[in-house]
Every structure is written in C-alpha cells, then in structure tokens.
Amino acid sequence: MVKVMRGSILALAAVLLLVTVANIPVAEGVTCSPTELTSCSSAFMSASPPSATCCAKLREQKPCLCGYLRNPTLRQYVNSPNAKKVASSCNVVTTNC
C-alpha cells in the first residue's frame, strides 16, 4: 500500500511539474518576411487607413524593421511618409536603427 501511494505521489508531482513547465511563456522568434506586410500595401501606397490585419502584422514584424531599412530595395517603402503614418496609426513605434 505504501509503494502504491508513493508511486501515486510521484506521478502526481510529475504531472504538476509538466503542467507548470508547459505554462511558462516562451519568446517565439519572428520570421522576417516583407511579404507578411502585404495586407499593408494599400495603406503604404495611398492615404487609406491601415486595416486591423495590417496593424497586427506590422506589430509582429516590428523586430524586422531595422533589417528592412538596411535593405536598399525595401528601404524606400519602409521609410516612406505613408509607411510612417501607417506605423503611427497602428501605434508601432519605430526605433532608431
């Protein structure tokens, strides 16, 4: 009986440990892909307000913006006045790179 109780207690402790570890937030890496911002293309190219999807993707891609600014092909889009307005509308603060 004591062995059964000890085994049950160890099993319960293992389950609690797994549940605790599974709930620890882990920072997930962002895949930098400018194509993720296609939902923002109309807002970048015109004065139209950004969609909720655009803002969500812009927030997701925020860690990538400095890399996009270093890319000569992408710089003109990311650094454009409309892109800055979109970022401001989405409450995405761009850092100085």
N, C-alpha and C. Protein backbone atom coordinates (compact mmCIF):
# COMPACT_ATOMS: atom_id res chain seq x y z
N MET A 1 0.82 -1.19 0.00
CA MET A 1 0.00 0.00 0.00
C MET A 1 0.87 1.25 0.00
N VAL A 2 1.97 1.25 0.76
CA VAL A 2 2.85 2.40 0.83
C VAL A 2 3.51 2.63 -0.52
N LYS A 3 3.90 1.54 -1.22
CA LYS A 3 4.53 1.66 -2.53
C LYS A 3 3.56 2.26 -3.54
N VAL A 4 2.29 1.88 -3.45
CA VAL A 4 1.27 2.40 -4.36
C VAL A 4 1.08 3.89 -4.11
N MET A 5 1.02 4.30 -2.84
CA MET A 5 0.85 5.72 -2.51
C MET A 5 2.06 6.53 -2.96
N ARG A 6 3.25 5.98 -2.73
CA ARG A 6 4.47 6.68 -3.12
C ARG A 6 4.49 6.85 -4.64
N GLY A 7 4.11 5.81 -5.37
CA GLY A 7 4.06 5.88 -6.83
C GLY A 7 3.04 6.91 -7.29
N SER A 8 1.88 6.96 -6.62
CA SER A 8 0.85 7.94 -6.98
C SER A 8 1.32 9.36 -6.72
N ILE A 9 2.00 9.56 -5.62
CA ILE A 9 2.50 10.89 -5.27
C ILE A 9 3.56 11.33 -6.29
N LEU A 10 4.46 10.41 -6.67
CA LEU A 10 5.47 10.74 -7.66
C LEU A 10 4.83 11.05 -9.02
N ALA A 11 3.81 10.28 -9.39
CA ALA A 11 3.12 10.53 -10.66
C ALA A 11 2.42 11.88 -10.62
N LEU A 12 1.79 12.21 -9.51
CA LEU A 12 1.12 13.50 -9.37
C LEU A 12 2.13 14.64 -9.44
N ALA A 13 3.26 14.48 -8.79
CA ALA A 13 4.31 15.51 -8.82
C ALA A 13 4.82 15.69 -10.24
N ALA A 14 4.99 14.61 -10.98
CA ALA A 14 5.46 14.70 -12.36
C ALA A 14 4.45 15.44 -13.24
N VAL A 15 3.16 15.15 -13.05
CA VAL A 15 2.11 15.82 -13.81
C VAL A 15 2.09 17.30 -13.48
N LEU A 16 2.18 17.65 -12.22
CA LEU A 16 2.19 19.06 -11.82
C LEU A 16 3.40 19.79 -12.40
N LEU A 17 4.54 19.12 -12.42
CA LEU A 17 5.74 19.73 -12.98
C LEU A 17 5.55 19.97 -14.48
N LEU A 18 5.00 19.01 -15.19
CA LEU A 18 4.76 19.17 -16.63
C LEU A 18 3.78 20.29 -16.91
N VAL A 19 2.72 20.38 -16.13
CA VAL A 19 1.73 21.44 -16.32
C VAL A 19 2.36 22.80 -16.06
N THR A 20 3.18 22.89 -15.04
CA THR A 20 3.84 24.15 -14.70
C THR A 20 4.80 24.56 -15.80
N VAL A 21 5.60 23.64 -16.29
CA VAL A 21 6.57 23.95 -17.34
C VAL A 21 5.85 24.31 -18.64
N ALA A 22 4.75 23.65 -18.94
CA ALA A 22 4.02 23.92 -20.18
C ALA A 22 3.42 25.32 -20.20
N ASN A 23 3.19 25.93 -19.04
CA ASN A 23 2.57 27.24 -18.99
C ASN A 23 3.56 28.39 -18.92
N ILE A 24 4.85 28.10 -18.98
CA ILE A 24 5.85 29.17 -18.95
C ILE A 24 5.87 29.83 -20.32
N PRO A 25 5.67 31.14 -20.36
CA PRO A 25 5.71 31.81 -21.67
C PRO A 25 7.11 31.78 -22.25
N VAL A 26 7.19 31.45 -23.51
CA VAL A 26 8.47 31.37 -24.20
C VAL A 26 8.43 32.37 -25.35
N ALA A 27 9.47 33.16 -25.45
CA ALA A 27 9.53 34.12 -26.56
C ALA A 27 9.74 33.36 -27.86
N GLU A 28 8.85 33.60 -28.79
CA GLU A 28 8.96 32.93 -30.07
C GLU A 28 9.65 33.85 -31.05
N GLY A 29 10.50 33.28 -31.88
CA GLY A 29 11.20 34.06 -32.88
C GLY A 29 10.25 34.48 -33.99
N VAL A 30 10.53 35.61 -34.56
CA VAL A 30 9.74 36.13 -35.67
C VAL A 30 10.50 35.83 -36.95
N THR A 31 9.81 35.33 -37.93
CA THR A 31 10.41 35.14 -39.23
C THR A 31 10.25 36.43 -40.01
N CYS A 32 11.38 37.05 -40.31
CA CYS A 32 11.33 38.33 -41.02
C CYS A 32 11.05 38.07 -42.50
N SER A 33 9.88 38.49 -42.91
CA SER A 33 9.48 38.32 -44.30
C SER A 33 8.63 39.52 -44.70
N PRO A 34 9.14 40.34 -45.60
CA PRO A 34 8.37 41.52 -46.00
C PRO A 34 7.02 41.16 -46.62
N THR A 35 6.88 39.94 -47.13
CA THR A 35 5.59 39.55 -47.70
C THR A 35 4.51 39.45 -46.63
N GLU A 36 4.91 39.38 -45.36
CA GLU A 36 3.95 39.38 -44.26
C GLU A 36 3.21 40.71 -44.18
N LEU A 37 3.76 41.74 -44.81
CA LEU A 37 3.15 43.07 -44.74
C LEU A 37 2.31 43.39 -45.98
N THR A 38 1.96 42.40 -46.77
CA THR A 38 1.14 42.65 -47.96
C THR A 38 -0.22 43.23 -47.59
N SER A 39 -0.72 42.92 -46.42
CA SER A 39 -2.01 43.48 -46.00
C SER A 39 -1.91 44.99 -45.77
N CYS A 40 -0.70 45.51 -45.73
CA CYS A 40 -0.49 46.95 -45.54
C CYS A 40 -0.22 47.67 -46.85
N SER A 41 -0.13 46.95 -47.95
CA SER A 41 0.31 47.58 -49.20
C SER A 41 -0.58 48.74 -49.63
N SER A 42 -1.89 48.60 -49.49
CA SER A 42 -2.76 49.72 -49.91
C SER A 42 -2.56 50.93 -49.00
N ALA A 43 -2.34 50.71 -47.73
CA ALA A 43 -2.11 51.83 -46.80
C ALA A 43 -0.73 52.45 -47.04
N PHE A 44 0.26 51.64 -47.41
CA PHE A 44 1.60 52.17 -47.70
C PHE A 44 1.60 53.00 -48.98
N MET A 45 0.79 52.61 -49.95
CA MET A 45 0.81 53.25 -51.25
C MET A 45 -0.15 54.43 -51.38
N SER A 46 -1.09 54.54 -50.47
CA SER A 46 -2.07 55.62 -50.55
C SER A 46 -2.30 56.18 -49.15
N ALA A 47 -3.26 57.04 -49.04
CA ALA A 47 -3.57 57.64 -47.74
C ALA A 47 -4.67 56.87 -47.01
N SER A 48 -4.97 55.67 -47.46
CA SER A 48 -6.04 54.90 -46.80
C SER A 48 -5.57 54.42 -45.43
N PRO A 49 -6.48 54.33 -44.48
CA PRO A 49 -6.10 53.88 -43.14
C PRO A 49 -5.76 52.39 -43.15
N PRO A 50 -4.85 51.98 -42.28
CA PRO A 50 -4.47 50.56 -42.24
C PRO A 50 -5.58 49.70 -41.63
N SER A 51 -5.66 48.48 -42.10
CA SER A 51 -6.64 47.53 -41.57
C SER A 51 -6.12 46.95 -40.25
N ALA A 52 -6.99 46.29 -39.52
CA ALA A 52 -6.59 45.63 -38.27
C ALA A 52 -5.56 44.54 -38.56
N THR A 53 -5.72 43.85 -39.69
CA THR A 53 -4.77 42.81 -40.07
C THR A 53 -3.40 43.43 -40.35
N CYS A 54 -3.41 44.56 -41.04
CA CYS A 54 -2.16 45.27 -41.32
C CYS A 54 -1.45 45.62 -40.01
N CYS A 55 -2.17 46.20 -39.08
CA CYS A 55 -1.57 46.61 -37.80
C CYS A 55 -1.02 45.41 -37.04
N ALA A 56 -1.75 44.31 -37.05
CA ALA A 56 -1.29 43.11 -36.35
C ALA A 56 0.00 42.60 -36.97
N LYS A 57 0.05 42.57 -38.30
CA LYS A 57 1.26 42.10 -38.99
C LYS A 57 2.42 43.06 -38.78
N LEU A 58 2.13 44.36 -38.76
CA LEU A 58 3.19 45.34 -38.54
C LEU A 58 3.78 45.19 -37.14
N ARG A 59 2.92 44.96 -36.15
CA ARG A 59 3.42 44.73 -34.78
C ARG A 59 4.25 43.44 -34.73
N GLU A 60 3.80 42.44 -35.44
CA GLU A 60 4.52 41.15 -35.47
C GLU A 60 5.89 41.32 -36.13
N GLN A 61 5.97 42.12 -37.17
CA GLN A 61 7.21 42.30 -37.91
C GLN A 61 8.10 43.43 -37.37
N LYS A 62 7.69 44.07 -36.28
CA LYS A 62 8.45 45.19 -35.73
C LYS A 62 9.93 44.87 -35.49
N PRO A 63 10.27 43.69 -34.98
CA PRO A 63 11.70 43.39 -34.78
C PRO A 63 12.48 43.34 -36.09
N CYS A 64 11.79 43.27 -37.20
CA CYS A 64 12.44 43.14 -38.51
C CYS A 64 12.65 44.47 -39.21
N LEU A 65 12.02 45.53 -38.72
CA LEU A 65 12.01 46.80 -39.44
C LEU A 65 13.41 47.37 -39.68
N CYS A 66 14.31 47.23 -38.73
CA CYS A 66 15.67 47.74 -38.93
C CYS A 66 16.37 46.99 -40.07
N GLY A 67 16.14 45.71 -40.14
CA GLY A 67 16.71 44.93 -41.24
C GLY A 67 16.13 45.35 -42.57
N TYR A 68 14.84 45.65 -42.60
CA TYR A 68 14.21 46.13 -43.83
C TYR A 68 14.79 47.49 -44.23
N LEU A 69 15.09 48.33 -43.25
CA LEU A 69 15.66 49.65 -43.54
C LEU A 69 17.08 49.53 -44.11
N ARG A 70 17.79 48.48 -43.73
CA ARG A 70 19.15 48.27 -44.24
C ARG A 70 19.15 47.70 -45.66
N ASN A 71 18.03 47.16 -46.07
CA ASN A 71 17.91 46.58 -47.40
C ASN A 71 17.60 47.69 -48.40
N PRO A 72 18.48 47.94 -49.39
CA PRO A 72 18.27 49.04 -50.33
C PRO A 72 16.95 48.92 -51.11
N THR A 73 16.50 47.72 -51.35
CA THR A 73 15.26 47.53 -52.10
C THR A 73 14.04 47.86 -51.25
N LEU A 74 14.08 47.54 -49.96
CA LEU A 74 12.93 47.73 -49.09
C LEU A 74 12.91 49.08 -48.41
N ARG A 75 14.08 49.70 -48.28
CA ARG A 75 14.21 50.95 -47.53
C ARG A 75 13.21 52.01 -47.99
N GLN A 76 13.05 52.15 -49.31
CA GLN A 76 12.18 53.20 -49.83
C GLN A 76 10.73 53.02 -49.39
N TYR A 77 10.31 51.78 -49.16
CA TYR A 77 8.94 51.52 -48.73
C TYR A 77 8.78 51.71 -47.23
N VAL A 78 9.72 51.16 -46.47
CA VAL A 78 9.63 51.21 -45.01
C VAL A 78 9.83 52.63 -44.49
N ASN A 79 10.62 53.41 -45.22
CA ASN A 79 10.97 54.75 -44.77
C ASN A 79 10.08 55.83 -45.41
N SER A 80 9.08 55.42 -46.17
CA SER A 80 8.22 56.40 -46.85
C SER A 80 7.31 57.11 -45.85
N PRO A 81 6.86 58.31 -46.19
CA PRO A 81 5.95 59.05 -45.30
C PRO A 81 4.67 58.26 -44.99
N ASN A 82 4.12 57.56 -45.99
CA ASN A 82 2.90 56.77 -45.74
C ASN A 82 3.17 55.61 -44.79
N ALA A 83 4.33 54.97 -44.92
CA ALA A 83 4.66 53.87 -44.02
C ALA A 83 4.78 54.39 -42.58
N LYS A 84 5.34 55.57 -42.44
CA LYS A 84 5.45 56.17 -41.10
C LYS A 84 4.07 56.50 -40.54
N LYS A 85 3.15 56.94 -41.41
CA LYS A 85 1.78 57.22 -40.96
C LYS A 85 1.07 55.94 -40.56
N VAL A 86 1.30 54.88 -41.32
CA VAL A 86 0.69 53.58 -41.00
C VAL A 86 1.21 53.11 -39.65
N ALA A 87 2.51 53.18 -39.44
CA ALA A 87 3.10 52.76 -38.17
C ALA A 87 2.52 53.57 -37.01
N SER A 88 2.38 54.87 -37.22
CA SER A 88 1.81 55.73 -36.19
C SER A 88 0.35 55.35 -35.91
N SER A 89 -0.42 55.11 -36.98
CA SER A 89 -1.83 54.73 -36.82
C SER A 89 -1.98 53.41 -36.08
N CYS A 90 -1.01 52.52 -36.27
CA CYS A 90 -1.04 51.20 -35.63
C CYS A 90 -0.37 51.20 -34.25
N ASN A 91 0.09 52.37 -33.82
CA ASN A 91 0.80 52.50 -32.54
C ASN A 91 2.04 51.64 -32.50
N VAL A 92 2.74 51.58 -33.62
CA VAL A 92 4.02 50.87 -33.70
C VAL A 92 5.10 51.92 -33.71
N VAL A 93 5.86 51.98 -32.64
CA VAL A 93 6.92 52.95 -32.51
C VAL A 93 8.17 52.36 -33.16
N THR A 94 8.66 53.03 -34.17
CA THR A 94 9.87 52.56 -34.82
C THR A 94 11.08 53.10 -34.07
N THR A 95 12.01 52.24 -33.85
CA THR A 95 13.23 52.62 -33.13
C THR A 95 14.24 53.16 -34.12
N ASN A 96 15.17 53.92 -33.62
CA ASN A 96 16.27 54.38 -34.47
C ASN A 96 17.24 53.24 -34.66
N CYS A 97 17.51 52.95 -35.89
CA CYS A 97 18.38 51.80 -36.21
C CYS A 97 19.80 52.27 -36.41
